[in-house]
Structures are given as C-alpha cells and as structure tokens.
Amino acid sequence: MVMTDPSAMNDKLLAALQKVRATSAHYDSATGHVVVQLSTGMALSFDPRLAAGLEHAQPVDLLQIEVSPSGAGLHFPALDADLYVPSLLAGSLQPEQLGRGGENEAKKCFGQPAAEDLYTYAVHW
C-alpha cells in the first residue's frame, strides 16, 4: 500500500506513537543519557538537557525515574518534572521531516497527558 497523503501518514504515525509505552527508565551515567525501555522492545536514549524540565538537572537528580502505571509518563521526583512518552518519541523523529505540515501534526502529542498518566503510585511495606 502506497500512502501519498502526508497528513494521513502523520495521523497514522502519531496514533501509533501514542500506543507505545515505557516499561522502565534509568539514567546511564556513562553516556549521560536517560534510557527508556519501550513496550516495542526498543529503547530510546536522550540527553536530558534537551527535555523541558530536565535541562538544568544534575546527574544525582536523574538517578530516580518513575514510570507511570500506564507507561505513558516518566516522573523525576528530585526535580518534580514529568515527561510524556509519546512527546519524547515525536520529538526524536524530528517532526519537521515528517512531511508538509508535520510540525503541526506532531504537536498533537505534546498536549497535556491524561490525569492517570501524571501520577506514579508506590506502596512501601
């Protein structure tokens, strides 16, 4: 199947990105990157200085990363910062290269996450 409509292709891509979830995340001090394991079996690695809310983080601030129960959000307790996984994925694909209008289409992923994606729950015994 050949898709010639960039908008339709972008819609399908963005819909697929919103289904991808984080299964775990950690800070790799050797590379200085945050590494997110994804439900697809792939991993996303990024420099925290490129993410809003993490740009001034020190390595010690990144040692604890919590994945939301839905897998759609990452929480950095030391910074009280949250990242939305589909936004990370959209940003890593450089939306300006998705085709004409890709920048506007990718912004759909950057909206406010649902309330259930904002919180991580922990039970300590």
PDB file of N, CA and C in Angstrom:
ATOM      1  N   MET A   1       0.836  -1.171   0.000  1.00  0.00           N
ATOM      2  CA  MET A   1       0.000   0.000   0.000  1.00  0.00           C
ATOM      3  C   MET A   1       0.883   1.238   0.000  1.00  0.00           C
ATOM      4  N   VAL A   2       0.637   2.139  -0.928  1.00  0.00           N
ATOM      5  CA  VAL A   2       1.396   3.368  -1.036  1.00  0.00           C
ATOM      6  C   VAL A   2       0.553   4.511  -0.491  1.00  0.00           C
ATOM      7  N   MET A   3       1.131   5.225   0.454  1.00  0.00           N
ATOM      8  CA  MET A   3       0.415   6.366   1.030  1.00  0.00           C
ATOM      9  C   MET A   3       0.996   7.627   0.418  1.00  0.00           C
ATOM     10  N   THR A   4       0.169   8.424  -0.211  1.00  0.00           N
ATOM     11  CA  THR A   4       0.646   9.652  -0.823  1.00  0.00           C
ATOM     12  C   THR A   4       0.221  10.894  -0.054  1.00  0.00           C
ATOM     13  N   ASP A   5      -0.710  10.771   0.862  1.00  0.00           N
ATOM     14  CA  ASP A   5      -1.200  11.906   1.637  1.00  0.00           C
ATOM     15  C   ASP A   5      -0.382  12.037   2.915  1.00  0.00           C
ATOM     16  N   PRO A   6       0.506  13.071   2.994  1.00  0.00           N
ATOM     17  CA  PRO A   6       1.340  13.225   4.198  1.00  0.00           C
ATOM     18  C   PRO A   6       0.523  13.350   5.472  1.00  0.00           C
ATOM     19  N   SER A   7      -0.620  14.018   5.415  1.00  0.00           N
ATOM     20  CA  SER A   7      -1.437  14.200   6.607  1.00  0.00           C
ATOM     21  C   SER A   7      -1.953  12.859   7.123  1.00  0.00           C
ATOM     22  N   ALA A   8      -2.390  11.981   6.206  1.00  0.00           N
ATOM     23  CA  ALA A   8      -2.867  10.653   6.615  1.00  0.00           C
ATOM     24  C   ALA A   8      -1.720   9.849   7.206  1.00  0.00           C
ATOM     25  N   MET A   9      -0.541   9.956   6.606  1.00  0.00           N
ATOM     26  CA  MET A   9       0.623   9.234   7.124  1.00  0.00           C
ATOM     27  C   MET A   9       0.963   9.743   8.522  1.00  0.00           C
ATOM     28  N   ASN A  10       0.941  11.066   8.714  1.00  0.00           N
ATOM     29  CA  ASN A  10       1.246  11.646  10.018  1.00  0.00           C
ATOM     30  C   ASN A  10       0.224  11.214  11.066  1.00  0.00           C
ATOM     31  N   ASP A  11      -1.059  11.186  10.693  1.00  0.00           N
ATOM     32  CA  ASP A  11      -2.096  10.761  11.627  1.00  0.00           C
ATOM     33  C   ASP A  11      -1.860   9.328  12.084  1.00  0.00           C
ATOM     34  N   LYS A  12      -1.506   8.446  11.145  1.00  0.00           N
ATOM     35  CA  LYS A  12      -1.252   7.045  11.497  1.00  0.00           C
ATOM     36  C   LYS A  12      -0.016   6.923  12.379  1.00  0.00           C
ATOM     37  N   LEU A  13       1.017   7.677  12.048  1.00  0.00           N
ATOM     38  CA  LEU A  13       2.247   7.643  12.841  1.00  0.00           C
ATOM     39  C   LEU A  13       1.989   8.146  14.256  1.00  0.00           C
ATOM     40  N   LEU A  14       1.287   9.257  14.384  1.00  0.00           N
ATOM     41  CA  LEU A  14       1.011   9.812  15.706  1.00  0.00           C
ATOM     42  C   LEU A  14       0.122   8.891  16.520  1.00  0.00           C
ATOM     43  N   ALA A  15      -0.829   8.239  15.876  1.00  0.00           N
ATOM     44  CA  ALA A  15      -1.686   7.281  16.582  1.00  0.00           C
ATOM     45  C   ALA A  15      -0.849   6.115  17.093  1.00  0.00           C
ATOM     46  N   ALA A  16       0.094   5.666  16.288  1.00  0.00           N
ATOM     47  CA  ALA A  16       0.966   4.561  16.710  1.00  0.00           C
ATOM     48  C   ALA A  16       1.861   4.991  17.861  1.00  0.00           C
ATOM     49  N   LEU A  17       2.401   6.211  17.812  1.00  0.00           N
ATOM     50  CA  LEU A  17       3.272   6.703  18.877  1.00  0.00           C
ATOM     51  C   LEU A  17       2.542   6.762  20.207  1.00  0.00           C
ATOM     52  N   GLN A  18       1.269   7.115  20.175  1.00  0.00           N
ATOM     53  CA  GLN A  18       0.517   7.252  21.413  1.00  0.00           C
ATOM     54  C   GLN A  18       0.207   5.903  22.051  1.00  0.00           C
ATOM     55  N   LYS A  19       0.431   4.806  21.335  1.00  0.00           N
ATOM     56  CA  LYS A  19       0.217   3.466  21.894  1.00  0.00           C
ATOM     57  C   LYS A  19       1.489   2.896  22.520  1.00  0.00           C
ATOM     58  N   VAL A  20       2.636   3.467  22.196  1.00  0.00           N
ATOM     59  CA  VAL A  20       3.909   2.983  22.730  1.00  0.00           C
ATOM     60  C   VAL A  20       4.023   3.408  24.186  1.00  0.00           C
ATOM     61  N   ARG A  21       4.451   2.504  25.037  1.00  0.00           N
ATOM     62  CA  ARG A  21       4.559   2.771  26.467  1.00  0.00           C
ATOM     63  C   ARG A  21       5.971   2.480  26.967  1.00  0.00           C
ATOM     64  N   ALA A  22       6.349   3.165  28.025  1.00  0.00           N
ATOM     65  CA  ALA A  22       7.624   2.891  28.695  1.00  0.00           C
ATOM     66  C   ALA A  22       7.423   1.718  29.637  1.00  0.00           C
ATOM     67  N   THR A  23       8.384   0.824  29.677  1.00  0.00           N
ATOM     68  CA  THR A  23       8.341  -0.288  30.622  1.00  0.00           C
ATOM     69  C   THR A  23       9.324  -0.060  31.768  1.00  0.00           C
ATOM     70  N   SER A  24      10.374   0.714  31.515  1.00  0.00           N
ATOM     71  CA  SER A  24      11.335   1.080  32.555  1.00  0.00           C
ATOM     72  C   SER A  24      12.164   2.253  32.044  1.00  0.00           C
ATOM     73  N   ALA A  25      12.867   2.895  32.969  1.00  0.00           N
ATOM     74  CA  ALA A  25      13.728   4.014  32.596  1.00  0.00           C
ATOM     75  C   ALA A  25      14.841   4.139  33.631  1.00  0.00           C
ATOM     76  N   HIS A  26      15.997   4.565  33.178  1.00  0.00           N
ATOM     77  CA  HIS A  26      17.117   4.793  34.089  1.00  0.00           C
ATOM     78  C   HIS A  26      18.071   5.826  33.498  1.00  0.00           C
ATOM     79  N   TYR A  27      18.910   6.371  34.345  1.00  0.00           N
ATOM     80  CA  TYR A  27      19.942   7.302  33.909  1.00  0.00           C
ATOM     81  C   TYR A  27      21.236   6.525  33.746  1.00  0.00           C
ATOM     82  N   ASP A  28      21.863   6.652  32.583  1.00  0.00           N
ATOM     83  CA  ASP A  28      23.133   5.985  32.298  1.00  0.00           C
ATOM     84  C   ASP A  28      24.252   7.004  32.498  1.00  0.00           C
ATOM     85  N   SER A  29      24.959   6.900  33.601  1.00  0.00           N
ATOM     86  CA  SER A  29      25.993   7.888  33.918  1.00  0.00           C
ATOM     87  C   SER A  29      27.170   7.822  32.945  1.00  0.00           C
ATOM     88  N   ALA A  30      27.390   6.685  32.308  1.00  0.00           N
ATOM     89  CA  ALA A  30      28.495   6.565  31.355  1.00  0.00           C
ATOM     90  C   ALA A  30      28.257   7.421  30.112  1.00  0.00           C
ATOM     91  N   THR A  31      27.023   7.491  29.645  1.00  0.00           N
ATOM     92  CA  THR A  31      26.712   8.281  28.452  1.00  0.00           C
ATOM     93  C   THR A  31      26.098   9.635  28.795  1.00  0.00           C
ATOM     94  N   GLY A  32      25.606   9.781  30.030  1.00  0.00           N
ATOM     95  CA  GLY A  32      24.926  10.999  30.422  1.00  0.00           C
ATOM     96  C   GLY A  32      23.529  11.105  29.841  1.00  0.00           C
ATOM     97  N   HIS A  33      22.959   9.961  29.444  1.00  0.00           N
ATOM     98  CA  HIS A  33      21.630   9.942  28.823  1.00  0.00           C
ATOM     99  C   HIS A  33      20.607   9.236  29.702  1.00  0.00           C
ATOM    100  N   VAL A  34      19.361   9.641  29.534  1.00  0.00           N
ATOM    101  CA  VAL A  34      18.239   8.913  30.111  1.00  0.00           C
ATOM    102  C   VAL A  34      17.878   7.838  29.090  1.00  0.00           C
ATOM    103  N   VAL A  35      17.711   6.607  29.554  1.00  0.00           N
ATOM    104  CA  VAL A  35      17.385   5.482  28.678  1.00  0.00           C
ATOM    105  C   VAL A  35      16.008   4.958  29.068  1.00  0.00           C
ATOM    106  N   VAL A  36      15.109   4.916  28.087  1.00  0.00           N
ATOM    107  CA  VAL A  36      13.742   4.471  28.315  1.00  0.00           C
ATOM    108  C   VAL A  36      13.512   3.194  27.512  1.00  0.00           C
ATOM    109  N   GLN A  37      13.191   2.103  28.221  1.00  0.00           N
ATOM    110  CA  GLN A  37      12.834   0.849  27.548  1.00  0.00           C
ATOM    111  C   GLN A  37      11.368   0.964  27.149  1.00  0.00           C
ATOM    112  N   LEU A  38      11.064   0.614  25.903  1.00  0.00           N
ATOM    113  CA  LEU A  38       9.715   0.766  25.377  1.00  0.00           C
ATOM    114  C   LEU A  38       9.007  -0.567  25.224  1.00  0.00           C
ATOM    115  N   SER A  39       7.691  -0.519  25.181  1.00  0.00           N
ATOM    116  CA  SER A  39       6.873  -1.725  25.043  1.00  0.00           C
ATOM    117  C   SER A  39       7.102  -2.424  23.704  1.00  0.00           C
ATOM    118  N   THR A  40       7.728  -1.745  22.765  1.00  0.00           N
ATOM    119  CA  THR A  40       8.015  -2.327  21.451  1.00  0.00           C
ATOM    120  C   THR A  40       9.268  -3.198  21.474  1.00  0.00           C
ATOM    121  N   GLY A  41       9.999  -3.175  22.595  1.00  0.00           N
ATOM    122  CA  GLY A  41      11.263  -3.898  22.672  1.00  0.00           C
ATOM    123  C   GLY A  41      12.449  -3.010  22.339  1.00  0.00           C
ATOM    124  N   MET A  42      12.176  -1.804  21.895  1.00  0.00           N
ATOM    125  CA  MET A  42      13.239  -0.854  21.577  1.00  0.00           C
ATOM    126  C   MET A  42      13.514   0.029  22.790  1.00  0.00           C
ATOM    127  N   ALA A  43      14.608   0.771  22.716  1.00  0.00           N
ATOM    128  CA  ALA A  43      14.952   1.721  23.776  1.00  0.00           C
ATOM    129  C   ALA A  43      15.166   3.092  23.157  1.00  0.00           C
ATOM    130  N   LEU A  44      14.794   4.113  23.902  1.00  0.00           N
ATOM    131  CA  LEU A  44      15.010   5.498  23.494  1.00  0.00           C
ATOM    132  C   LEU A  44      16.009   6.090  24.472  1.00  0.00           C
ATOM    133  N   SER A  45      17.065   6.688  23.945  1.00  0.00           N
ATOM    134  CA  SER A  45      18.089   7.311  24.772  1.00  0.00           C
ATOM    135  C   SER A  45      18.155   8.783  24.388  1.00  0.00           C
ATOM    136  N   PHE A  46      18.178   9.663  25.389  1.00  0.00           N
ATOM    137  CA  PHE A  46      18.243  11.091  25.069  1.00  0.00           C
ATOM    138  C   PHE A  46      19.043  11.842  26.126  1.00  0.00           C
ATOM    139  N   ASP A  47      19.622  12.939  25.684  1.00  0.00           N
ATOM    140  CA  ASP A  47      20.363  13.836  26.565  1.00  0.00           C
ATOM    141  C   ASP A  47      19.329  14.637  27.362  1.00  0.00           C
ATOM    142  N   PRO A  48      19.349  14.565  28.676  1.00  0.00           N
ATOM    143  CA  PRO A  48      18.338  15.259  29.475  1.00  0.00           C
ATOM    144  C   PRO A  48      18.326  16.770  29.272  1.00  0.00           C
ATOM    145  N   ARG A  49      19.420  17.341  28.807  1.00  0.00           N
ATOM    146  CA  ARG A  49      19.450  18.792  28.570  1.00  0.00           C
ATOM    147  C   ARG A  49      18.506  19.202  27.445  1.00  0.00           C
ATOM    148  N   LEU A  50      18.024  18.221  26.663  1.00  0.00           N
ATOM    149  CA  LEU A  50      17.118  18.512  25.554  1.00  0.00           C
ATOM    150  C   LEU A  50      15.650  18.419  25.950  1.00  0.00           C
ATOM    151  N   ALA A  51      15.375  17.988  27.170  1.00  0.00           N
ATOM    152  CA  ALA A  51      13.990  17.789  27.609  1.00  0.00           C
ATOM    153  C   ALA A  51      13.567  18.898  28.570  1.00  0.00           C
ATOM    154  N   ALA A  52      12.388  19.456  28.315  1.00  0.00           N
ATOM    155  CA  ALA A  52      11.862  20.507  29.179  1.00  0.00           C
ATOM    156  C   ALA A  52      11.711  19.996  30.599  1.00  0.00           C
ATOM    157  N   GLY A  53      12.245  20.745  31.545  1.00  0.00           N
ATOM    158  CA  GLY A  53      12.183  20.367  32.952  1.00  0.00           C
ATOM    159  C   GLY A  53      13.426  19.632  33.424  1.00  0.00           C
ATOM    160  N   LEU A  54      14.221  19.142  32.486  1.00  0.00           N
ATOM    161  CA  LEU A  54      15.440  18.417  32.852  1.00  0.00           C
ATOM    162  C   LEU A  54      16.697  19.154  32.408  1.00  0.00           C
ATOM    163  N   GLU A  55      16.541  20.274  31.725  1.00  0.00           N
ATOM    164  CA  GLU A  55      17.681  20.941  31.096  1.00  0.00           C
ATOM    165  C   GLU A  55      18.769  21.364  32.077  1.00  0.00           C
ATOM    166  N   HIS A  56      18.426  21.601  33.331  1.00  0.00           N
ATOM    167  CA  HIS A  56      19.431  22.022  34.328  1.00  0.00           C
ATOM    168  C   HIS A  56      19.686  20.937  35.377  1.00  0.00           C
ATOM    169  N   ALA A  57      19.257  19.729  35.096  1.00  0.00           N
ATOM    170  CA  ALA A  57      19.397  18.630  36.058  1.00  0.00           C
ATOM    171  C   ALA A  57      20.849  18.221  36.227  1.00  0.00           C
ATOM    172  N   GLN A  58      21.179  17.887  37.450  1.00  0.00           N
ATOM    173  CA  GLN A  58      22.474  17.291  37.755  1.00  0.00           C
ATOM    174  C   GLN A  58      22.307  15.771  37.716  1.00  0.00           C
ATOM    175  N   PRO A  59      23.384  15.030  37.495  1.00  0.00           N
ATOM    176  CA  PRO A  59      23.265  13.563  37.441  1.00  0.00           C
ATOM    177  C   PRO A  59      22.536  12.965  38.647  1.00  0.00           C
ATOM    178  N   VAL A  60      22.762  13.486  39.830  1.00  0.00           N
ATOM    179  CA  VAL A  60      22.102  12.957  41.029  1.00  0.00           C
ATOM    180  C   VAL A  60      20.587  13.146  40.954  1.00  0.00           C
ATOM    181  N   ASP A  61      20.138  14.179  40.245  1.00  0.00           N
ATOM    182  CA  ASP A  61      18.703  14.437  40.099  1.00  0.00           C
ATOM    183  C   ASP A  61      18.013  13.411  39.211  1.00  0.00           C
ATOM    184  N   LEU A  62      18.781  12.693  38.417  1.00  0.00           N
ATOM    185  CA  LEU A  62      18.225  11.777  37.427  1.00  0.00           C
ATOM    186  C   LEU A  62      18.309  10.312  37.850  1.00  0.00           C
ATOM    187  N   LEU A  63      18.812  10.072  39.058  1.00  0.00           N
ATOM    188  CA  LEU A  63      19.010   8.684  39.494  1.00  0.00           C
ATOM    189  C   LEU A  63      17.703   7.955  39.770  1.00  0.00           C
ATOM    190  N   GLN A  64      16.666   8.679  40.134  1.00  0.00           N
ATOM    191  CA  GLN A  64      15.372   8.046  40.369  1.00  0.00           C
ATOM    192  C   GLN A  64      14.389   8.519  39.303  1.00  0.00           C
ATOM    193  N   ILE A  65      13.898   7.563  38.523  1.00  0.00           N
ATOM    194  CA  ILE A  65      12.898   7.842  37.485  1.00  0.00           C
ATOM    195  C   ILE A  65      11.761   6.865  37.690  1.00  0.00           C
ATOM    196  N   GLU A  66      10.554   7.401  37.792  1.00  0.00           N
ATOM    197  CA  GLU A  66       9.372   6.554  37.988  1.00  0.00           C
ATOM    198  C   GLU A  66       8.558   6.524  36.703  1.00  0.00           C
ATOM    199  N   VAL A  67       8.118   5.330  36.326  1.00  0.00           N
ATOM    200  CA  VAL A  67       7.260   5.154  35.157  1.00  0.00           C
ATOM    201  C   VAL A  67       5.825   5.104  35.656  1.00  0.00           C
ATOM    202  N   SER A  68       4.942   5.883  35.030  1.00  0.00           N
ATOM    203  CA  SER A  68       3.533   5.893  35.449  1.00  0.00           C
ATOM    204  C   SER A  68       2.918   4.515  35.229  1.00  0.00           C
ATOM    205  N   PRO A  69       1.868   4.179  35.944  1.00  0.00           N
ATOM    206  CA  PRO A  69       1.238   2.861  35.786  1.00  0.00           C
ATOM    207  C   PRO A  69       0.823   2.563  34.346  1.00  0.00           C
ATOM    208  N   SER A  70       0.429   3.587  33.602  1.00  0.00           N
ATOM    209  CA  SER A  70       0.025   3.375  32.208  1.00  0.00           C
ATOM    210  C   SER A  70       1.230   3.244  31.285  1.00  0.00           C
ATOM    211  N   GLY A  71       2.407   3.670  31.744  1.00  0.00           N
ATOM    212  CA  GLY A  71       3.602   3.643  30.908  1.00  0.00           C
ATOM    213  C   GLY A  71       3.712   4.840  29.985  1.00  0.00           C
ATOM    214  N   ALA A  72       2.775   5.779  30.074  1.00  0.00           N
ATOM    215  CA  ALA A  72       2.781   6.947  29.187  1.00  0.00           C
ATOM    216  C   ALA A  72       3.574   8.116  29.756  1.00  0.00           C
ATOM    217  N   GLY A  73       3.929   8.054  31.036  1.00  0.00           N
ATOM    218  CA  GLY A  73       4.624   9.172  31.655  1.00  0.00           C
ATOM    219  C   GLY A  73       5.858   8.747  32.421  1.00  0.00           C
ATOM    220  N   LEU A  74       6.803   9.677  32.520  1.00  0.00           N
ATOM    221  CA  LEU A  74       8.002   9.500  33.342  1.00  0.00           C
ATOM    222  C   LEU A  74       8.014  10.629  34.353  1.00  0.00           C
ATOM    223  N   HIS A  75       8.332  10.295  35.604  1.00  0.00           N
ATOM    224  CA  HIS A  75       8.388  11.297  36.663  1.00  0.00           C
ATOM    225  C   HIS A  75       9.781  11.281  37.271  1.00  0.00           C
ATOM    226  N   PHE A  76      10.338  12.467  37.451  1.00  0.00           N
ATOM    227  CA  PHE A  76      11.659  12.650  38.054  1.00  0.00           C
ATOM    228  C   PHE A  76      11.435  13.321  39.405  1.00  0.00           C
ATOM    229  N   PRO A  77      11.331  12.541  40.499  1.00  0.00           N
ATOM    230  CA  PRO A  77      10.971  13.091  41.813  1.00  0.00           C
ATOM    231  C   PRO A  77      11.888  14.199  42.305  1.00  0.00           C
ATOM    232  N   ALA A  78      13.190  14.094  42.069  1.00  0.00           N
ATOM    233  CA  ALA A  78      14.112  15.114  42.576  1.00  0.00           C
ATOM    234  C   ALA A  78      13.888  16.471  41.925  1.00  0.00           C
ATOM    235  N   LEU A  79      13.299  16.474  40.744  1.00  0.00           N
ATOM    236  CA  LEU A  79      13.057  17.713  40.006  1.00  0.00           C
ATOM    237  C   LEU A  79      11.575  18.085  39.959  1.00  0.00           C
ATOM    238  N   ASP A  80      10.736  17.177  40.438  1.00  0.00           N
ATOM    239  CA  ASP A  80       9.288  17.305  40.302  1.00  0.00           C
ATOM    240  C   ASP A  80       8.930  17.619  38.844  1.00  0.00           C
ATOM    241  N   ALA A  81       9.529  16.834  37.934  1.00  0.00           N
ATOM    242  CA  ALA A  81       9.327  17.028  36.500  1.00  0.00           C
ATOM    243  C   ALA A  81       8.697  15.780  35.905  1.00  0.00           C
ATOM    244  N   ASP A  82       7.858  15.983  34.894  1.00  0.00           N
ATOM    245  CA  ASP A  82       7.181  14.888  34.216  1.00  0.00           C
ATOM    246  C   ASP A  82       7.403  14.997  32.714  1.00  0.00           C
ATOM    247  N   LEU A  83       7.579  13.861  32.067  1.00  0.00           N
ATOM    248  CA  LEU A  83       7.685  13.808  30.614  1.00  0.00           C
ATOM    249  C   LEU A  83       6.637  12.842  30.094  1.00  0.00           C
ATOM    250  N   TYR A  84       6.074  13.156  28.947  1.00  0.00           N
ATOM    251  CA  TYR A  84       5.065  12.338  28.293  1.00  0.00           C
ATOM    252  C   TYR A  84       5.762  11.530  27.202  1.00  0.00           C
ATOM    253  N   VAL A  85       5.721  10.203  27.292  1.00  0.00           N
ATOM    254  CA  VAL A  85       6.468   9.323  26.398  1.00  0.00           C
ATOM    255  C   VAL A  85       6.150   9.573  24.922  1.00  0.00           C
ATOM    256  N   PRO A  86       4.886   9.687  24.496  1.00  0.00           N
ATOM    257  CA  PRO A  86       4.638   9.975  23.081  1.00  0.00           C
ATOM    258  C   PRO A  86       5.283  11.281  22.614  1.00  0.00           C
ATOM    259  N   SER A  87       5.398  12.266  23.494  1.00  0.00           N
ATOM    260  CA  SER A  87       6.066  13.514  23.132  1.00  0.00           C
ATOM    261  C   SER A  87       7.555  13.284  22.906  1.00  0.00           C
ATOM    262  N   LEU A  88       8.160  12.457  23.753  1.00  0.00           N
ATOM    263  CA  LEU A  88       9.571  12.129  23.553  1.00  0.00           C
ATOM    264  C   LEU A  88       9.782  11.454  22.212  1.00  0.00           C
ATOM    265  N   LEU A  89       8.899  10.527  21.882  1.00  0.00           N
ATOM    266  CA  LEU A  89       9.018   9.810  20.613  1.00  0.00           C
ATOM    267  C   LEU A  89       8.814  10.752  19.434  1.00  0.00           C
ATOM    268  N   ALA A  90       7.819  11.608  19.495  1.00  0.00           N
ATOM    269  CA  ALA A  90       7.567  12.551  18.407  1.00  0.00           C
ATOM    270  C   ALA A  90       8.749  13.495  18.236  1.00  0.00           C
ATOM    271  N   GLY A  91       9.302  13.949  19.338  1.00  0.00           N
ATOM    272  CA  GLY A  91      10.453  14.843  19.270  1.00  0.00           C
ATOM    273  C   GLY A  91      11.678  14.168  18.709  1.00  0.00           C
ATOM    274  N   SER A  92      11.854  12.883  18.989  1.00  0.00           N
ATOM    275  CA  SER A  92      13.023  12.176  18.490  1.00  0.00           C
ATOM    276  C   SER A  92      12.942  11.917  16.993  1.00  0.00           C
ATOM    277  N   LEU A  93      11.738  12.000  16.420  1.00  0.00           N
ATOM    278  CA  LEU A  93      11.574  11.772  14.988  1.00  0.00           C
ATOM    279  C   LEU A  93      11.731  13.042  14.166  1.00  0.00           C
ATOM    280  N   GLN A  94      12.045  14.151  14.809  1.00  0.00           N
ATOM    281  CA  GLN A  94      12.194  15.430  14.145  1.00  0.00           C
ATOM    282  C   GLN A  94      10.987  15.713  13.264  1.00  0.00           C
ATOM    283  N   PRO A  95       9.883  16.157  13.854  1.00  0.00           N
ATOM    284  CA  PRO A  95       8.625  16.346  13.137  1.00  0.00           C
ATOM    285  C   PRO A  95       8.738  17.139  11.845  1.00  0.00           C
ATOM    286  N   GLU A  96       9.724  18.031  11.751  1.00  0.00           N
ATOM    287  CA  GLU A  96       9.849  18.815  10.521  1.00  0.00           C
ATOM    288  C   GLU A  96      10.165  17.930   9.316  1.00  0.00           C
ATOM    289  N   GLN A  97      10.597  16.691   9.566  1.00  0.00           N
ATOM    290  CA  GLN A  97      10.908  15.777   8.474  1.00  0.00           C
ATOM    291  C   GLN A  97       9.764  14.802   8.186  1.00  0.00           C
ATOM    292  N   LEU A  98       8.647  14.928   8.883  1.00  0.00           N
ATOM    293  CA  LEU A  98       7.529  14.012   8.661  1.00  0.00           C
ATOM    294  C   LEU A  98       6.763  14.320   7.381  1.00  0.00           C
ATOM    295  N   GLY A  99       7.037  15.420   6.769  1.00  0.00           N
ATOM    296  CA  GLY A  99       6.286  15.811   5.575  1.00  0.00           C
ATOM    297  C   GLY A  99       5.634  17.155   5.814  1.00  0.00           C
ATOM    298  N   ARG A 100       5.057  17.698   4.781  1.00  0.00           N
ATOM    299  CA  ARG A 100       4.430  19.012   4.881  1.00  0.00           C
ATOM    300  C   ARG A 100       3.376  19.014   5.980  1.00  0.00           C
ATOM    301  N   GLY A 101       3.496  19.949   6.894  1.00  0.00           N
ATOM    302  CA  GLY A 101       2.527  20.043   7.981  1.00  0.00           C
ATOM    303  C   GLY A 101       2.868  19.144   9.167  1.00  0.00           C
ATOM    304  N   GLY A 102       3.972  18.450   9.115  1.00  0.00           N
ATOM    305  CA  GLY A 102       4.345  17.527  10.179  1.00  0.00           C
ATOM    306  C   GLY A 102       4.518  18.181  11.528  1.00  0.00           C
ATOM    307  N   GLU A 103       4.981  19.438  11.508  1.00  0.00           N
ATOM    308  CA  GLU A 103       5.178  20.133  12.778  1.00  0.00           C
ATOM    309  C   GLU A 103       3.858  20.284  13.522  1.00  0.00           C
ATOM    310  N   ASN A 104       2.811  20.674  12.807  1.00  0.00           N
ATOM    311  CA  ASN A 104       1.508  20.856  13.444  1.00  0.00           C
ATOM    312  C   ASN A 104       0.919  19.523  13.878  1.00  0.00           C
ATOM    313  N   GLU A 105       1.096  18.502  13.064  1.00  0.00           N
ATOM    314  CA  GLU A 105       0.569  17.186  13.401  1.00  0.00           C
ATOM    315  C   GLU A 105       1.249  16.646  14.654  1.00  0.00           C
ATOM    316  N   ALA A 106       2.556  16.827  14.753  1.00  0.00           N
ATOM    317  CA  ALA A 106       3.297  16.287  15.897  1.00  0.00           C
ATOM    318  C   ALA A 106       2.917  16.981  17.190  1.00  0.00           C
ATOM    319  N   LYS A 107       2.448  18.220  17.111  1.00  0.00           N
ATOM    320  CA  LYS A 107       2.060  18.949  18.319  1.00  0.00           C
ATOM    321  C   LYS A 107       0.903  18.267  19.037  1.00  0.00           C
ATOM    322  N   LYS A 108       0.158  17.404  18.337  1.00  0.00           N
ATOM    323  CA  LYS A 108      -0.932  16.674  18.983  1.00  0.00           C
ATOM    324  C   LYS A 108      -0.401  15.811  20.126  1.00  0.00           C
ATOM    325  N   CYS A 109       0.821  15.362  20.004  1.00  0.00           N
ATOM    326  CA  CYS A 109       1.415  14.514  21.043  1.00  0.00           C
ATOM    327  C   CYS A 109       1.886  15.326  22.237  1.00  0.00           C
ATOM    328  N   PHE A 110       1.996  16.626  22.089  1.00  0.00           N
ATOM    329  CA  PHE A 110       2.555  17.447  23.139  1.00  0.00           C
ATOM    330  C   PHE A 110       1.513  18.051  24.054  1.00  0.00           C
ATOM    331  N   GLY A 111       0.261  17.645  23.906  1.00  0.00           N
ATOM    332  CA  GLY A 111      -0.796  18.140  24.775  1.00  0.00           C
ATOM    333  C   GLY A 111      -0.636  17.615  26.188  1.00  0.00           C
ATOM    334  N   GLN A 112      -1.450  18.127  27.056  1.00  0.00           N
ATOM    335  CA  GLN A 112      -1.438  17.693  28.459  1.00  0.00           C
ATOM    336  C   GLN A 112      -1.842  16.225  28.548  1.00  0.00           C
ATOM    337  N   PRO A 113      -1.041  15.379  29.186  1.00  0.00           N
ATOM    338  CA  PRO A 113      -1.425  13.982  29.351  1.00  0.00           C
ATOM    339  C   PRO A 113      -2.660  13.833  30.242  1.00  0.00           C
ATOM    340  N   ALA A 114      -3.317  12.723  30.096  1.00  0.00           N
ATOM    341  CA  ALA A 114      -4.480  12.430  30.934  1.00  0.00           C
ATOM    342  C   ALA A 114      -4.043  12.337  32.391  1.00  0.00           C
ATOM    343  N   ALA A 115      -4.953  12.600  33.303  1.00  0.00           N
ATOM    344  CA  ALA A 115      -4.633  12.615  34.738  1.00  0.00           C
ATOM    345  C   ALA A 115      -3.980  11.326  35.194  1.00  0.00           C
ATOM    346  N   GLU A 116      -4.433  10.180  34.682  1.00  0.00           N
ATOM    347  CA  GLU A 116      -3.859   8.911  35.137  1.00  0.00           C
ATOM    348  C   GLU A 116      -2.408   8.741  34.699  1.00  0.00           C
ATOM    349  N   ASP A 117      -1.943   9.529  33.723  1.00  0.00           N
ATOM    350  CA  ASP A 117      -0.565   9.439  33.272  1.00  0.00           C
ATOM    351  C   ASP A 117       0.365  10.360  34.055  1.00  0.00           C
ATOM    352  N   LEU A 118      -0.192  11.225  34.887  1.00  0.00           N
ATOM    353  CA  LEU A 118       0.615  12.191  35.612  1.00  0.00           C
ATOM    354  C   LEU A 118       1.150  11.669  36.934  1.00  0.00           C
ATOM    355  N   TYR A 119       0.590  10.596  37.440  1.00  0.00           N
ATOM    356  CA  TYR A 119       0.947  10.161  38.775  1.00  0.00           C
ATOM    357  C   TYR A 119       1.505   8.757  38.773  1.00  0.00           C
ATOM    358  N   THR A 120       2.451   8.550  39.645  1.00  0.00           N
ATOM    359  CA  THR A 120       3.011   7.223  39.867  1.00  0.00           C
ATOM    360  C   THR A 120       2.732   6.865  41.310  1.00  0.00           C
ATOM    361  N   TYR A 121       2.300   5.665  41.519  1.00  0.00           N
ATOM    362  CA  TYR A 121       1.940   5.233  42.859  1.00  0.00           C
ATOM    363  C   TYR A 121       2.963   4.214  43.355  1.00  0.00           C
ATOM    364  N   ALA A 122       3.346   4.352  44.588  1.00  0.00           N
ATOM    365  CA  ALA A 122       4.269   3.414  45.197  1.00  0.00           C
ATOM    366  C   ALA A 122       3.700   2.988  46.549  1.00  0.00           C
ATOM    367  N   VAL A 123       3.842   1.720  46.843  1.00  0.00           N
ATOM    368  CA  VAL A 123       3.399   1.188  48.134  1.00  0.00           C
ATOM    369  C   VAL A 123       4.637   0.636  48.826  1.00  0.00           C
ATOM    370  N   HIS A 124       4.889   1.112  50.018  1.00  0.00           N
ATOM    371  CA  HIS A 124       6.041   0.656  50.792  1.00  0.00           C
ATOM    372  C   HIS A 124       5.531  -0.120  51.996  1.00  0.00           C
ATOM    373  N   TRP A 125       6.059  -1.280  52.215  1.00  0.00           N
ATOM    374  CA  TRP A 125       5.661  -2.117  53.362  1.00  0.00           C
ATOM    375  C   TRP A 125       6.690  -2.043  54.444  1.00  0.00           C
TER     376      TRP A 125
END
